[in-house]
N, C-alpha and C. Protein backbone atom coordinates (compact mmCIF):
# COMPACT_ATOMS: atom_id res chain seq x y z
N MET A 1 16.99 12.06 -31.57
CA MET A 1 16.25 11.28 -30.59
C MET A 1 17.11 11.00 -29.35
N LYS A 2 18.39 10.66 -29.58
CA LYS A 2 19.28 10.35 -28.47
C LYS A 2 19.40 11.54 -27.51
N HIS A 3 19.56 12.73 -28.05
CA HIS A 3 19.70 13.93 -27.22
C HIS A 3 18.42 14.24 -26.48
N THR A 4 17.28 13.94 -27.08
CA THR A 4 15.99 14.16 -26.41
C THR A 4 15.90 13.30 -25.16
N LYS A 5 16.31 12.03 -25.28
CA LYS A 5 16.30 11.15 -24.11
C LYS A 5 17.26 11.64 -23.04
N GLN A 6 18.43 12.12 -23.46
CA GLN A 6 19.41 12.64 -22.50
C GLN A 6 18.87 13.87 -21.78
N LEU A 7 18.23 14.77 -22.52
CA LEU A 7 17.64 15.96 -21.91
C LEU A 7 16.52 15.58 -20.96
N SER A 8 15.72 14.60 -21.35
CA SER A 8 14.63 14.14 -20.49
C SER A 8 15.19 13.58 -19.19
N PHE A 9 16.27 12.80 -19.27
CA PHE A 9 16.88 12.23 -18.07
C PHE A 9 17.46 13.34 -17.20
N PHE A 10 18.09 14.34 -17.81
CA PHE A 10 18.64 15.48 -17.07
C PHE A 10 17.53 16.21 -16.33
N LYS A 11 16.38 16.36 -16.97
CA LYS A 11 15.23 17.02 -16.33
C LYS A 11 14.80 16.25 -15.09
N ILE A 12 14.81 14.91 -15.20
CA ILE A 12 14.45 14.06 -14.06
C ILE A 12 15.44 14.28 -12.92
N LEU A 13 16.72 14.29 -13.22
CA LEU A 13 17.74 14.42 -12.18
C LEU A 13 17.73 15.79 -11.51
N THR A 14 17.34 16.81 -12.23
CA THR A 14 17.39 18.16 -11.67
C THR A 14 16.07 18.61 -11.05
N SER A 15 15.00 17.87 -11.29
CA SER A 15 13.71 18.24 -10.73
C SER A 15 13.70 17.95 -9.23
N THR A 16 13.23 18.90 -8.44
CA THR A 16 13.15 18.69 -7.00
C THR A 16 11.75 18.95 -6.48
N VAL A 17 10.85 19.31 -7.38
CA VAL A 17 9.50 19.69 -6.97
C VAL A 17 8.57 18.49 -7.00
N GLU A 18 7.99 18.20 -5.84
CA GLU A 18 6.95 17.17 -5.78
C GLU A 18 5.62 17.88 -5.89
N ASP A 19 4.83 17.48 -6.86
CA ASP A 19 3.52 18.08 -7.06
C ASP A 19 2.60 17.04 -7.68
N LYS A 20 1.51 17.46 -8.31
CA LYS A 20 0.57 16.51 -8.90
C LYS A 20 1.15 15.75 -10.09
N LYS A 21 2.24 16.27 -10.67
CA LYS A 21 2.83 15.64 -11.85
C LYS A 21 4.15 14.94 -11.55
N ASN A 22 4.70 15.15 -10.36
CA ASN A 22 6.01 14.59 -9.99
C ASN A 22 5.96 13.98 -8.60
N LYS A 23 6.80 12.98 -8.41
CA LYS A 23 6.79 12.25 -7.15
C LYS A 23 8.22 11.79 -6.84
N ARG A 24 8.58 11.73 -5.56
CA ARG A 24 9.91 11.27 -5.15
C ARG A 24 9.86 9.77 -4.87
N CYS A 25 10.76 9.04 -5.47
CA CYS A 25 10.89 7.61 -5.20
C CYS A 25 11.62 7.45 -3.86
N PRO A 26 11.04 6.70 -2.91
CA PRO A 26 11.70 6.54 -1.61
C PRO A 26 12.99 5.72 -1.68
N LYS A 27 13.15 4.94 -2.73
CA LYS A 27 14.34 4.10 -2.86
C LYS A 27 15.53 4.88 -3.42
N CYS A 28 15.36 5.51 -4.60
CA CYS A 28 16.48 6.23 -5.22
C CYS A 28 16.50 7.71 -4.84
N LYS A 29 15.43 8.19 -4.19
CA LYS A 29 15.32 9.58 -3.71
C LYS A 29 15.22 10.62 -4.81
N ILE A 30 14.95 10.19 -6.04
CA ILE A 30 14.86 11.12 -7.17
C ILE A 30 13.40 11.48 -7.43
N VAL A 31 13.14 12.78 -7.65
CA VAL A 31 11.80 13.22 -8.04
C VAL A 31 11.66 12.98 -9.53
N LYS A 32 10.62 12.21 -9.89
CA LYS A 32 10.41 11.85 -11.29
C LYS A 32 8.96 12.12 -11.68
N PRO A 33 8.69 12.28 -12.98
CA PRO A 33 7.30 12.43 -13.42
C PRO A 33 6.48 11.19 -13.06
N LEU A 34 5.20 11.36 -12.82
CA LEU A 34 4.34 10.26 -12.38
C LEU A 34 4.38 9.04 -13.29
N GLU A 35 4.56 9.26 -14.60
CA GLU A 35 4.56 8.11 -15.50
C GLU A 35 5.75 7.17 -15.27
N HIS A 36 6.71 7.57 -14.43
CA HIS A 36 7.83 6.71 -14.08
C HIS A 36 7.49 5.79 -12.91
N PHE A 37 6.25 5.88 -12.41
CA PHE A 37 5.79 5.05 -11.30
C PHE A 37 4.66 4.14 -11.79
N PRO A 38 4.81 2.82 -11.64
CA PRO A 38 3.76 1.92 -12.13
C PRO A 38 2.48 2.05 -11.31
N TRP A 39 1.37 1.68 -11.93
CA TRP A 39 0.09 1.68 -11.24
C TRP A 39 0.08 0.58 -10.19
N GLN A 40 -0.54 0.84 -9.07
CA GLN A 40 -0.66 -0.14 -7.99
C GLN A 40 -1.66 -1.24 -8.35
N SER A 41 -2.72 -0.86 -9.05
CA SER A 41 -3.77 -1.84 -9.35
C SER A 41 -4.28 -1.64 -10.77
N ALA A 42 -5.04 -2.62 -11.22
CA ALA A 42 -5.60 -2.55 -12.58
C ALA A 42 -6.57 -1.38 -12.73
N GLU A 43 -7.18 -0.95 -11.64
CA GLU A 43 -8.14 0.17 -11.71
C GLU A 43 -7.44 1.51 -11.91
N GLN A 44 -6.12 1.51 -11.79
CA GLN A 44 -5.30 2.71 -11.96
C GLN A 44 -5.77 3.86 -11.06
N LYS A 45 -5.97 3.53 -9.79
CA LYS A 45 -6.41 4.53 -8.82
C LYS A 45 -5.22 5.26 -8.19
N PHE A 46 -4.10 4.56 -8.00
CA PHE A 46 -2.93 5.23 -7.44
C PHE A 46 -1.66 4.52 -7.89
N ARG A 47 -0.55 5.24 -7.76
CA ARG A 47 0.74 4.76 -8.23
C ARG A 47 1.51 4.08 -7.09
N ARG A 48 2.37 3.15 -7.45
CA ARG A 48 3.23 2.48 -6.47
C ARG A 48 4.23 3.49 -5.90
N ALA A 49 4.80 3.18 -4.77
CA ALA A 49 5.75 4.09 -4.11
C ALA A 49 7.06 4.19 -4.90
N ASN A 50 7.61 3.04 -5.28
CA ASN A 50 8.90 3.02 -5.97
C ASN A 50 8.74 3.25 -7.47
N CYS A 51 9.73 3.89 -8.06
CA CYS A 51 9.71 4.12 -9.51
C CYS A 51 9.94 2.80 -10.25
N LYS A 52 9.69 2.81 -11.55
CA LYS A 52 9.83 1.60 -12.37
C LYS A 52 11.26 1.08 -12.35
N ASP A 53 12.24 1.97 -12.38
CA ASP A 53 13.64 1.53 -12.37
C ASP A 53 13.98 0.80 -11.07
N CYS A 54 13.53 1.34 -9.95
CA CYS A 54 13.80 0.69 -8.66
C CYS A 54 13.03 -0.61 -8.52
N ASP A 55 11.80 -0.66 -9.05
CA ASP A 55 11.02 -1.90 -9.05
C ASP A 55 11.73 -2.99 -9.86
N LYS A 56 12.29 -2.62 -11.01
CA LYS A 56 13.02 -3.59 -11.83
C LYS A 56 14.22 -4.14 -11.06
N GLN A 57 14.94 -3.25 -10.39
CA GLN A 57 16.10 -3.67 -9.61
C GLN A 57 15.68 -4.60 -8.47
N LEU A 58 14.60 -4.27 -7.79
CA LEU A 58 14.10 -5.10 -6.70
C LEU A 58 13.69 -6.48 -7.21
N ASN A 59 13.04 -6.54 -8.36
CA ASN A 59 12.65 -7.83 -8.93
C ASN A 59 13.86 -8.68 -9.28
N LYS A 60 14.94 -8.05 -9.77
CA LYS A 60 16.16 -8.79 -10.07
C LYS A 60 16.73 -9.41 -8.79
N VAL A 61 16.72 -8.64 -7.70
CA VAL A 61 17.21 -9.13 -6.42
C VAL A 61 16.37 -10.32 -5.95
N ARG A 62 15.04 -10.20 -6.04
CA ARG A 62 14.16 -11.29 -5.62
C ARG A 62 14.41 -12.56 -6.43
N VAL A 63 14.52 -12.41 -7.75
CA VAL A 63 14.75 -13.58 -8.61
C VAL A 63 16.07 -14.25 -8.23
N LYS A 64 17.11 -13.46 -8.03
CA LYS A 64 18.42 -14.00 -7.65
C LYS A 64 18.34 -14.74 -6.32
N LEU A 65 17.71 -14.11 -5.32
CA LEU A 65 17.62 -14.73 -3.99
C LEU A 65 16.77 -16.00 -4.04
N LYS A 66 15.69 -15.99 -4.83
CA LYS A 66 14.86 -17.20 -4.95
C LYS A 66 15.62 -18.32 -5.63
N SER A 67 16.48 -17.98 -6.59
CA SER A 67 17.27 -19.03 -7.26
C SER A 67 18.28 -19.64 -6.29
N ILE A 68 18.75 -18.88 -5.32
CA ILE A 68 19.71 -19.37 -4.33
C ILE A 68 19.01 -20.14 -3.21
N HIS A 69 17.89 -19.59 -2.72
CA HIS A 69 17.25 -20.13 -1.50
C HIS A 69 16.03 -21.01 -1.76
N GLY A 70 15.59 -21.09 -3.01
CA GLY A 70 14.46 -21.95 -3.33
C GLY A 70 13.18 -21.53 -2.64
N SER A 71 12.50 -22.49 -2.05
CA SER A 71 11.24 -22.26 -1.35
C SER A 71 11.36 -22.77 0.07
N PRO A 72 10.47 -22.33 0.95
CA PRO A 72 10.52 -22.86 2.32
C PRO A 72 10.18 -24.36 2.32
N PRO A 73 10.66 -25.09 3.31
CA PRO A 73 10.39 -26.53 3.37
C PRO A 73 8.91 -26.83 3.63
N LYS A 74 8.52 -28.05 3.36
CA LYS A 74 7.14 -28.48 3.65
C LYS A 74 6.88 -28.31 5.15
N ASN A 75 5.63 -28.06 5.50
CA ASN A 75 5.21 -27.86 6.89
C ASN A 75 5.92 -26.68 7.55
N TYR A 76 6.32 -25.71 6.75
CA TYR A 76 6.99 -24.51 7.25
C TYR A 76 6.01 -23.66 8.04
N LYS A 77 6.51 -23.01 9.09
CA LYS A 77 5.71 -22.08 9.89
C LYS A 77 6.32 -20.69 9.78
N CYS A 78 5.46 -19.69 9.64
CA CYS A 78 5.94 -18.32 9.65
C CYS A 78 6.58 -18.05 11.01
N PRO A 79 7.81 -17.56 11.04
CA PRO A 79 8.48 -17.35 12.32
C PRO A 79 7.87 -16.24 13.18
N ILE A 80 6.99 -15.43 12.59
CA ILE A 80 6.37 -14.35 13.37
C ILE A 80 5.01 -14.77 13.90
N CYS A 81 4.10 -15.16 13.01
CA CYS A 81 2.73 -15.49 13.46
C CYS A 81 2.52 -16.98 13.70
N LEU A 82 3.51 -17.79 13.33
CA LEU A 82 3.47 -19.25 13.45
C LEU A 82 2.41 -19.90 12.55
N GLY A 83 1.93 -19.14 11.57
CA GLY A 83 0.96 -19.68 10.62
C GLY A 83 1.61 -20.70 9.70
N THR A 84 0.80 -21.66 9.27
CA THR A 84 1.25 -22.68 8.33
C THR A 84 0.50 -22.50 7.02
N GLU A 85 0.94 -23.22 6.01
CA GLU A 85 0.28 -23.14 4.71
C GLU A 85 -1.20 -23.52 4.84
N LYS A 86 -1.47 -24.48 5.70
CA LYS A 86 -2.85 -24.95 5.87
C LYS A 86 -3.74 -23.87 6.48
N ASN A 87 -3.29 -23.19 7.53
CA ASN A 87 -4.17 -22.22 8.17
C ASN A 87 -4.04 -20.80 7.62
N LEU A 88 -3.04 -20.54 6.79
CA LEU A 88 -2.94 -19.22 6.19
C LEU A 88 -3.76 -19.10 4.91
N GLY A 89 -3.95 -20.21 4.22
CA GLY A 89 -4.73 -20.18 2.98
C GLY A 89 -4.13 -19.20 1.99
N LEU A 90 -4.96 -18.36 1.39
CA LEU A 90 -4.49 -17.37 0.42
C LEU A 90 -4.50 -15.97 1.01
N LYS A 91 -4.16 -15.84 2.27
CA LYS A 91 -4.23 -14.54 2.93
C LYS A 91 -3.18 -13.54 2.46
N GLY A 92 -2.37 -13.89 1.49
CA GLY A 92 -1.35 -12.96 1.07
C GLY A 92 -1.59 -12.39 -0.30
N GLY A 93 -2.25 -13.10 -1.12
CA GLY A 93 -2.46 -12.64 -2.47
C GLY A 93 -2.80 -13.82 -3.36
N LYS A 94 -3.54 -13.56 -4.39
CA LYS A 94 -3.99 -14.62 -5.28
C LYS A 94 -2.85 -15.23 -6.07
N ASN A 95 -1.91 -14.39 -6.52
CA ASN A 95 -0.88 -14.86 -7.43
C ASN A 95 0.45 -15.18 -6.76
N GLY A 96 0.69 -14.62 -5.60
CA GLY A 96 2.01 -14.70 -5.00
C GLY A 96 2.29 -15.94 -4.20
N GLY A 97 1.32 -16.77 -3.95
CA GLY A 97 1.54 -17.88 -3.05
C GLY A 97 1.45 -17.42 -1.61
N ILE A 98 1.78 -18.31 -0.72
CA ILE A 98 1.63 -18.01 0.71
C ILE A 98 2.86 -17.33 1.28
N TRP A 99 4.04 -17.70 0.80
CA TRP A 99 5.27 -17.24 1.42
C TRP A 99 5.94 -16.11 0.64
N CYS A 100 6.51 -15.18 1.40
CA CYS A 100 7.29 -14.07 0.83
C CYS A 100 8.75 -14.29 1.17
N LEU A 101 9.59 -14.03 0.20
CA LEU A 101 11.01 -14.03 0.44
C LEU A 101 11.33 -12.71 1.13
N ASP A 102 11.78 -12.77 2.36
CA ASP A 102 12.10 -11.56 3.10
C ASP A 102 13.59 -11.30 2.99
N HIS A 103 13.93 -10.04 2.69
CA HIS A 103 15.34 -9.68 2.59
C HIS A 103 15.54 -8.25 3.07
N ASP A 104 16.78 -7.95 3.42
CA ASP A 104 17.15 -6.61 3.85
C ASP A 104 17.28 -5.74 2.61
N HIS A 105 16.49 -4.69 2.54
CA HIS A 105 16.47 -3.84 1.35
C HIS A 105 17.72 -2.98 1.21
N ASP A 106 18.48 -2.82 2.28
CA ASP A 106 19.73 -2.05 2.19
C ASP A 106 20.89 -2.91 1.69
N THR A 107 20.94 -4.16 2.15
CA THR A 107 22.07 -5.04 1.80
C THR A 107 21.71 -6.10 0.77
N ASP A 108 20.41 -6.27 0.50
CA ASP A 108 19.90 -7.32 -0.40
C ASP A 108 20.20 -8.72 0.12
N LYS A 109 20.41 -8.88 1.42
CA LYS A 109 20.67 -10.20 1.99
C LYS A 109 19.37 -10.87 2.40
N PHE A 110 19.29 -12.16 2.12
CA PHE A 110 18.13 -13.00 2.47
C PHE A 110 18.02 -13.11 3.99
N ARG A 111 16.78 -12.91 4.51
CA ARG A 111 16.56 -13.06 5.94
C ARG A 111 15.76 -14.32 6.24
N GLY A 112 14.87 -14.70 5.34
CA GLY A 112 14.05 -15.89 5.58
C GLY A 112 12.74 -15.79 4.84
N TRP A 113 11.83 -16.68 5.19
CA TRP A 113 10.50 -16.72 4.58
C TRP A 113 9.47 -16.27 5.60
N LEU A 114 8.55 -15.41 5.17
CA LEU A 114 7.46 -14.94 6.03
C LEU A 114 6.16 -15.10 5.26
N CYS A 115 5.05 -15.16 6.00
CA CYS A 115 3.76 -15.09 5.32
C CYS A 115 3.57 -13.66 4.81
N HIS A 116 2.68 -13.49 3.85
CA HIS A 116 2.48 -12.16 3.27
C HIS A 116 2.08 -11.12 4.32
N LEU A 117 1.18 -11.51 5.23
CA LEU A 117 0.70 -10.54 6.22
C LEU A 117 1.82 -10.06 7.14
N CYS A 118 2.67 -10.97 7.59
CA CYS A 118 3.78 -10.57 8.47
C CYS A 118 4.82 -9.77 7.71
N ASN A 119 5.07 -10.14 6.46
CA ASN A 119 6.02 -9.39 5.64
C ASN A 119 5.53 -7.96 5.45
N ARG A 120 4.24 -7.80 5.19
CA ARG A 120 3.68 -6.45 5.03
C ARG A 120 3.74 -5.68 6.34
N ALA A 121 3.45 -6.37 7.43
CA ALA A 121 3.44 -5.70 8.73
C ALA A 121 4.80 -5.09 9.04
N ILE A 122 5.88 -5.88 8.89
CA ILE A 122 7.19 -5.31 9.21
C ILE A 122 7.60 -4.28 8.15
N GLY A 123 7.10 -4.45 6.93
CA GLY A 123 7.37 -3.46 5.89
C GLY A 123 6.70 -2.13 6.18
N PHE A 124 5.44 -2.20 6.62
CA PHE A 124 4.73 -0.96 6.96
C PHE A 124 5.40 -0.24 8.13
N LEU A 125 6.06 -1.01 8.99
CA LEU A 125 6.81 -0.41 10.10
C LEU A 125 8.26 -0.12 9.69
N LYS A 126 8.51 -0.14 8.39
CA LYS A 126 9.79 0.25 7.77
C LYS A 126 10.96 -0.62 8.21
N ASP A 127 10.69 -1.89 8.54
CA ASP A 127 11.74 -2.82 8.99
C ASP A 127 12.59 -2.20 10.10
N ASP A 128 11.97 -1.37 10.91
CA ASP A 128 12.67 -0.61 11.95
C ASP A 128 12.35 -1.19 13.32
N ILE A 129 13.37 -1.68 14.00
CA ILE A 129 13.18 -2.30 15.31
C ILE A 129 12.56 -1.34 16.31
N SER A 130 12.94 -0.07 16.28
CA SER A 130 12.36 0.91 17.20
C SER A 130 10.86 1.05 16.97
N ASN A 131 10.44 1.07 15.70
CA ASN A 131 9.01 1.14 15.40
C ASN A 131 8.29 -0.10 15.91
N LEU A 132 8.90 -1.27 15.73
CA LEU A 132 8.30 -2.51 16.21
C LEU A 132 8.20 -2.52 17.74
N GLU A 133 9.24 -2.05 18.41
CA GLU A 133 9.21 -2.01 19.88
C GLU A 133 8.13 -1.06 20.38
N ARG A 134 7.97 0.09 19.71
CA ARG A 134 6.91 1.03 20.12
C ARG A 134 5.53 0.41 19.87
N ALA A 135 5.39 -0.34 18.79
CA ALA A 135 4.11 -1.01 18.51
C ALA A 135 3.81 -2.04 19.60
N ILE A 136 4.81 -2.79 20.01
CA ILE A 136 4.64 -3.77 21.09
C ILE A 136 4.26 -3.07 22.38
N GLY A 137 4.96 -1.98 22.71
CA GLY A 137 4.64 -1.21 23.92
C GLY A 137 3.22 -0.67 23.90
N TYR A 138 2.81 -0.19 22.75
CA TYR A 138 1.45 0.33 22.58
C TYR A 138 0.43 -0.77 22.84
N LEU A 139 0.64 -1.93 22.23
CA LEU A 139 -0.30 -3.04 22.41
C LEU A 139 -0.33 -3.52 23.86
N LYS A 140 0.84 -3.60 24.49
CA LYS A 140 0.90 -4.03 25.90
C LYS A 140 0.16 -3.05 26.79
N LYS A 141 0.36 -1.77 26.55
CA LYS A 141 -0.29 -0.73 27.35
C LYS A 141 -1.81 -0.86 27.26
N HIS A 142 -2.31 -1.06 26.07
CA HIS A 142 -3.77 -1.14 25.89
C HIS A 142 -4.32 -2.50 26.31
N GLU A 143 -3.49 -3.52 26.27
CA GLU A 143 -3.92 -4.83 26.76
C GLU A 143 -4.14 -4.75 28.28
N GLU A 144 -3.21 -4.08 28.97
CA GLU A 144 -3.32 -3.92 30.43
C GLU A 144 -4.54 -3.07 30.80
N LYS A 145 -4.78 -2.01 30.02
CA LYS A 145 -5.94 -1.14 30.30
C LYS A 145 -7.23 -1.93 30.14
N ASN A 146 -7.31 -2.78 29.11
CA ASN A 146 -8.52 -3.56 28.86
C ASN A 146 -8.75 -4.61 29.93
N LYS A 147 -7.67 -5.14 30.52
CA LYS A 147 -7.81 -6.11 31.60
C LYS A 147 -8.34 -5.46 32.86
N ASN A 148 -7.98 -4.19 33.07
CA ASN A 148 -8.37 -3.48 34.29
C ASN A 148 -9.77 -2.86 34.21
N THR A 149 -10.40 -2.91 33.05
CA THR A 149 -11.73 -2.30 32.94
C THR A 149 -12.83 -3.33 32.94
């Protein structure tokens, strides 16, 4: 049994083909069989981006950072959208609460607390300042066009 597990792990490390049965984890960069990626939802329609091993590691980091930094203070405002607990409601998720612990995924350092929507927004833009600046430029360009029409 031990050798079977070792051979299975070797197969994972040497596989480079992404297809319907294999997927590359963006965190560890390893192509793994789909069953190494958790389901995104209960309906099992699609798999999460990160593999189970990377998800476990990320959860350990979150737990550690939450134990150090606790929760945001009462009457806290999201530093991006300026939303408060009162006006944000449950806009982030049923189970997660209103605030997300934001951290740098490369260094695992705590950055602060954000509302779920703002945390997702910067995440979708890959926490990349250049992407954020281009998004701002795009919005400004179209804001000016709409004012002139």
